[in-house]
Amino acid sequence: MLTKLTPERHDLIWGSRDTEPWFPNPDGLRTAEVWYPSGDLLIKFLFTTDHLSVQVHPNDEQALRAGKTRGKTEMWQILRAEPGARIALGLNRTLSKDELRAAALDGSIVELLNWIPVTAGQTFFTPANTIHAIGGGIALCEIQQLSDITYRLYDWGRGRELHLDKGLDVSKLESGGEGPTTLPVRCPYFLTDELRVAVHAELDSEDFTLVVLDGSGDIAGHSFAPGDAFQNAAASARLAIDSEAASFLIVRAASAS
């Protein structure tokens, strides 16, 4: 059975009014994130005008010790990027914990991150324990474990709470080397692949979430447009998709992949 998911809009200080074509915005409202909870996963669209905090997420074992259900591993699919837009994944040199603390406190951590220019269509995988940041001028789709556990290491002088002790305890201190990857992305929590449709396609009916990145049309009697998300529970019938041209992310939880 196919169900169209209801988007949850969230505004944060780095959000954008430029959310189209994924989310029409006739009132010019600022939106930072749009959420689609899906079982043990969370699908997000992010729209940035400024840097997000420099942050890190614990793995499952570390999160359980902190009283949380699970850690947070994620991936990003870049949908749009302004000239000069960039993300950071990992460190550009190995640091000690004391060095990282000092850099977080004085802001020099920014110069120690592995910054990567981004363009639309790129894919990045961000496992737990990886220090990371997302810059301004980006629209992306994020697939992540359903978790809200985030430790801020640096916040560009905004005055929000930092979580240095907890963040330093879970941060990978070795130099990074992370860069763009390719779909499919497979990890212990999800399998994400790309689906492109021209005119007609049929999908085996299995458990998955389908995220519309581009195009419009009809899937199993539901109309779709960019930004829509559908959750499917396995049934006997195959799912028909009709569109002149459309692209999707098809996401399967680990138990279904």
Protein backbone atom coordinates (compact mmCIF):
# COMPACT_ATOMS: atom_id res chain seq x y z
CA MET A 1 0.00 0.00 0.00
CA LEU A 2 1.34 3.41 -1.00
CA THR A 3 0.89 6.38 1.37
CA LYS A 4 1.77 9.99 0.63
CA LEU A 5 3.67 11.44 3.58
CA THR A 6 2.81 14.81 5.11
CA PRO A 7 5.70 17.30 5.23
CA GLU A 8 6.72 18.96 8.49
CA ARG A 9 8.27 22.41 7.98
CA HIS A 10 10.87 23.74 10.43
CA ASP A 11 12.51 27.15 10.49
CA LEU A 12 15.99 27.84 11.82
CA ILE A 13 18.24 30.88 11.65
CA TRP A 14 20.08 29.64 8.55
CA GLY A 15 16.90 28.82 6.58
CA SER A 16 15.87 30.14 3.15
CA ARG A 17 12.84 31.49 1.34
CA ASP A 18 14.04 29.88 -1.88
CA THR A 19 12.45 26.43 -1.44
CA GLU A 20 11.01 25.96 -4.91
CA PRO A 21 10.48 23.81 -6.94
CA TRP A 22 10.41 21.31 -4.08
CA PHE A 23 8.07 23.32 -1.86
CA PRO A 24 6.03 26.19 -3.35
CA ASN A 25 6.37 29.29 -1.21
CA PRO A 26 3.93 31.98 -2.38
CA ASP A 27 4.02 33.71 1.02
CA GLY A 28 7.83 33.94 1.09
CA LEU A 29 8.15 32.04 4.35
CA ARG A 30 11.62 31.09 5.54
CA THR A 31 12.13 27.35 5.82
CA ALA A 32 15.27 25.55 6.95
CA GLU A 33 14.15 21.93 6.95
CA VAL A 34 11.21 19.85 5.76
CA TRP A 35 10.87 16.48 7.50
CA TYR A 36 9.33 13.18 6.48
CA PRO A 37 9.60 10.63 9.31
CA SER A 38 9.63 7.12 7.86
CA GLY A 39 9.97 4.28 10.36
CA ASP A 40 13.49 4.27 11.82
CA LEU A 41 14.60 6.82 9.21
CA LEU A 42 14.05 10.52 8.66
CA ILE A 43 14.04 12.09 5.21
CA LYS A 44 14.79 15.82 5.19
CA PHE A 45 15.03 18.61 2.67
CA LEU A 46 17.43 21.37 3.80
CA PHE A 47 17.58 24.92 2.43
CA THR A 48 20.50 27.05 3.62
CA THR A 49 21.45 30.72 3.41
CA ASP A 50 24.22 30.48 6.01
CA HIS A 51 26.47 27.90 7.62
CA LEU A 52 24.99 25.29 9.89
CA SER A 53 26.93 24.68 13.08
CA VAL A 54 30.08 22.58 13.04
CA GLN A 55 28.75 19.42 14.64
CA VAL A 56 29.12 15.71 15.20
CA HIS A 57 26.74 12.81 15.94
CA PRO A 58 27.45 9.74 18.10
CA ASN A 59 27.11 6.17 16.89
CA ASP A 60 24.47 3.79 18.24
CA GLU A 61 26.52 2.51 21.16
CA GLN A 62 27.51 6.02 22.26
CA ALA A 63 23.93 7.26 21.89
CA LEU A 64 22.59 4.43 24.05
CA ARG A 65 25.06 5.37 26.79
CA ALA A 66 23.67 8.91 26.57
CA GLY A 67 20.11 7.64 27.06
CA LYS A 68 19.06 7.94 23.41
CA THR A 69 17.52 5.27 21.19
CA ARG A 70 20.06 5.40 18.36
CA GLY A 71 22.92 7.38 16.88
CA LYS A 72 22.90 9.32 13.66
CA THR A 73 24.46 8.32 10.38
CA GLU A 74 23.30 10.28 7.33
CA MET A 75 23.80 11.01 3.65
CA TRP A 76 23.22 14.10 1.53
CA GLN A 77 22.08 14.42 -2.06
CA ILE A 78 22.88 17.92 -3.35
CA LEU A 79 19.92 19.35 -5.27
CA ARG A 80 21.10 22.93 -5.85
CA ALA A 81 24.28 24.83 -5.04
CA GLU A 82 25.14 28.47 -5.54
CA PRO A 83 28.63 29.32 -6.83
CA GLY A 84 31.15 28.84 -4.04
CA ALA A 85 28.83 26.66 -1.92
CA ARG A 86 30.64 24.07 0.17
CA ILE A 87 30.30 21.44 2.83
CA ALA A 88 32.82 20.11 5.35
CA LEU A 89 33.41 16.43 6.06
CA GLY A 90 36.05 15.48 8.59
CA LEU A 91 39.32 17.18 9.45
CA ASN A 92 42.14 18.17 7.11
CA ARG A 93 44.75 16.95 9.61
CA THR A 94 44.81 14.69 12.64
CA LEU A 95 44.29 16.48 15.96
CA SER A 96 44.47 15.60 19.61
CA LYS A 97 41.36 16.08 21.71
CA ASP A 98 42.97 19.07 23.44
CA GLU A 99 43.83 20.65 20.07
CA LEU A 100 40.28 20.17 18.84
CA ARG A 101 38.84 21.72 22.01
CA ALA A 102 41.05 24.77 21.70
CA ALA A 103 40.19 25.16 18.01
CA ALA A 104 36.47 24.92 18.75
CA LEU A 105 36.75 27.58 21.45
CA ASP A 106 38.72 30.10 19.38
CA GLY A 107 37.02 29.42 16.03
CA SER A 108 40.09 28.10 14.25
CA ILE A 109 38.28 24.79 13.85
CA VAL A 110 36.86 26.30 10.64
CA GLU A 111 40.34 26.20 9.07
CA LEU A 112 40.88 22.62 10.19
CA LEU A 113 37.83 21.18 8.42
CA ASN A 114 37.97 19.30 5.15
CA TRP A 115 35.98 21.76 3.00
CA ILE A 116 34.58 20.49 -0.31
CA PRO A 117 32.98 22.63 -3.07
CA VAL A 118 29.63 21.15 -4.07
CA THR A 119 27.48 21.05 -7.20
CA ALA A 120 24.00 19.72 -7.89
CA GLY A 121 23.85 15.96 -8.32
CA GLN A 122 26.66 15.09 -5.91
CA THR A 123 26.22 12.54 -3.13
CA PHE A 124 27.96 12.56 0.27
CA PHE A 125 27.94 9.96 3.04
CA THR A 126 28.37 11.18 6.63
CA PRO A 127 28.80 8.33 9.12
CA ALA A 128 28.42 8.92 12.84
CA ASN A 129 31.54 10.39 14.53
CA THR A 130 32.40 12.52 11.47
CA ILE A 131 32.76 16.23 12.24
CA HIS A 132 30.82 18.10 9.55
CA ALA A 133 29.17 21.34 8.47
CA ILE A 134 26.91 22.49 5.65
CA GLY A 135 27.48 25.91 4.13
CA GLY A 136 25.03 28.47 2.78
CA GLY A 137 23.48 28.50 -0.67
CA ILE A 138 22.59 24.81 -0.75
CA ALA A 139 19.44 22.76 -1.17
CA LEU A 140 19.84 19.08 -0.37
CA CYS A 141 17.95 15.94 0.53
CA GLU A 142 19.20 14.15 3.64
CA ILE A 143 18.57 10.54 4.58
CA GLN A 144 19.35 9.82 8.23
CA GLN A 145 18.63 7.62 11.19
CA LEU A 146 15.60 8.89 13.06
CA SER A 147 17.55 10.70 15.77
CA ASP A 148 17.83 14.23 17.13
CA ILE A 149 21.20 13.76 18.85
CA THR A 150 23.55 16.50 17.68
CA TYR A 151 26.61 17.89 19.45
CA ARG A 152 27.64 21.42 18.41
CA LEU A 153 31.35 22.11 18.41
CA TYR A 154 31.26 25.61 16.91
CA ASP A 155 28.37 27.89 15.91
CA TRP A 156 29.88 30.89 14.11
CA GLY A 157 29.41 33.20 17.11
CA ARG A 158 25.62 32.84 17.27
CA GLY A 159 25.61 32.25 21.01
CA ARG A 160 23.75 28.95 20.98
CA GLU A 161 24.75 26.19 23.40
CA LEU A 162 27.81 24.13 22.54
CA HIS A 163 28.36 20.51 23.58
CA LEU A 164 32.15 20.32 23.67
CA ASP A 165 32.67 17.53 26.20
CA LYS A 166 30.11 15.23 24.60
CA GLY A 167 31.16 16.17 21.08
CA LEU A 168 34.88 15.67 21.68
CA ASP A 169 34.22 12.24 23.19
CA VAL A 170 32.59 10.98 19.98
CA SER A 171 34.56 12.87 17.30
CA LYS A 172 36.83 11.12 14.84
CA LEU A 173 40.13 12.94 15.34
CA GLU A 174 42.04 11.47 12.39
CA SER A 175 42.33 13.45 9.17
CA GLY A 176 39.37 12.97 6.84
CA GLY A 177 39.67 12.38 3.13
CA GLU A 178 35.93 12.02 2.74
CA GLY A 179 34.58 13.32 -0.56
CA PRO A 180 31.74 12.78 -3.00
CA THR A 181 30.52 9.23 -3.45
CA THR A 182 28.04 7.66 -5.86
CA LEU A 183 24.63 6.12 -5.54
CA PRO A 184 23.64 3.62 -4.32
CA VAL A 185 24.68 4.39 -0.74
CA ARG A 186 24.53 1.34 1.50
CA CYS A 187 25.17 1.31 5.24
CA PRO A 188 23.86 -0.69 8.22
CA TYR A 189 20.81 1.60 8.44
CA PHE A 190 19.62 2.28 4.90
CA LEU A 191 20.12 1.66 1.22
CA THR A 192 19.52 4.70 -0.99
CA ASP A 193 19.50 4.53 -4.78
CA GLU A 194 18.41 6.69 -7.68
CA LEU A 195 15.38 5.96 -9.83
CA ARG A 196 14.80 7.70 -13.15
CA VAL A 197 11.55 7.34 -15.07
CA ALA A 198 10.85 8.32 -18.67
CA VAL A 199 7.24 7.66 -19.75
CA HIS A 200 6.54 4.52 -17.66
CA ALA A 201 8.12 2.25 -15.08
CA GLU A 202 6.97 -0.43 -12.68
CA LEU A 203 8.34 -1.20 -9.23
CA ASP A 204 8.16 -4.42 -7.29
CA SER A 205 5.94 -3.85 -4.28
CA GLU A 206 8.25 -3.88 -1.27
CA ASP A 207 8.92 -1.71 1.75
CA PHE A 208 10.55 1.56 0.69
CA THR A 209 10.23 5.33 0.75
CA LEU A 210 10.19 7.16 -2.57
CA VAL A 211 11.35 10.79 -2.58
CA VAL A 212 10.60 12.96 -5.62
CA LEU A 213 13.57 15.11 -6.64
CA ASP A 214 12.44 16.24 -10.08
CA GLY A 215 9.46 15.90 -12.42
CA SER A 216 5.77 15.24 -12.00
CA GLY A 217 3.33 12.51 -12.88
CA ASP A 218 1.35 9.69 -11.32
CA ILE A 219 2.31 6.77 -9.12
CA ALA A 220 -0.29 4.13 -8.28
CA GLY A 221 -3.07 6.70 -8.59
CA HIS A 222 -1.29 9.44 -6.62
CA SER A 223 -0.08 12.57 -8.39
CA PHE A 224 3.44 13.63 -7.50
CA ALA A 225 5.66 16.71 -7.78
CA PRO A 226 9.16 17.66 -6.58
CA GLY A 227 9.45 17.44 -2.79
CA ASP A 228 6.79 14.77 -2.34
CA ALA A 229 7.55 11.57 -0.46
CA PHE A 230 5.67 8.27 -0.44
CA GLN A 231 5.98 5.30 1.88
CA ASN A 232 5.17 1.90 0.47
CA ALA A 233 4.33 -1.27 2.37
CA ALA A 234 4.81 -4.49 0.44
CA ALA A 235 1.72 -5.89 -1.23
CA SER A 236 1.03 -8.21 -4.13
CA ALA A 237 0.63 -5.62 -6.90
CA ARG A 238 3.46 -3.83 -8.68
CA LEU A 239 3.49 -0.04 -8.62
CA ALA A 240 3.18 1.84 -11.90
CA ILE A 241 4.85 5.24 -12.36
CA ASP A 242 3.91 7.45 -15.30
CA SER A 243 5.84 10.62 -16.09
CA GLU A 244 7.42 12.30 -19.07
CA ALA A 245 10.60 12.53 -17.00
CA ALA A 246 11.15 12.24 -13.25
CA SER A 247 13.91 11.36 -10.81
CA PHE A 248 13.59 9.94 -7.32
CA LEU A 249 15.55 8.66 -4.37
CA ILE A 250 14.33 5.22 -3.37
CA VAL A 251 15.19 4.49 0.25
CA ARG A 252 15.02 1.14 1.97
CA ALA A 253 15.59 0.68 5.69
CA ALA A 254 18.28 -1.86 6.60
CA SER A 255 15.68 -4.44 7.55
CA ALA A 256 14.14 -4.11 4.06
CA SER A 257 17.34 -3.94 2.05
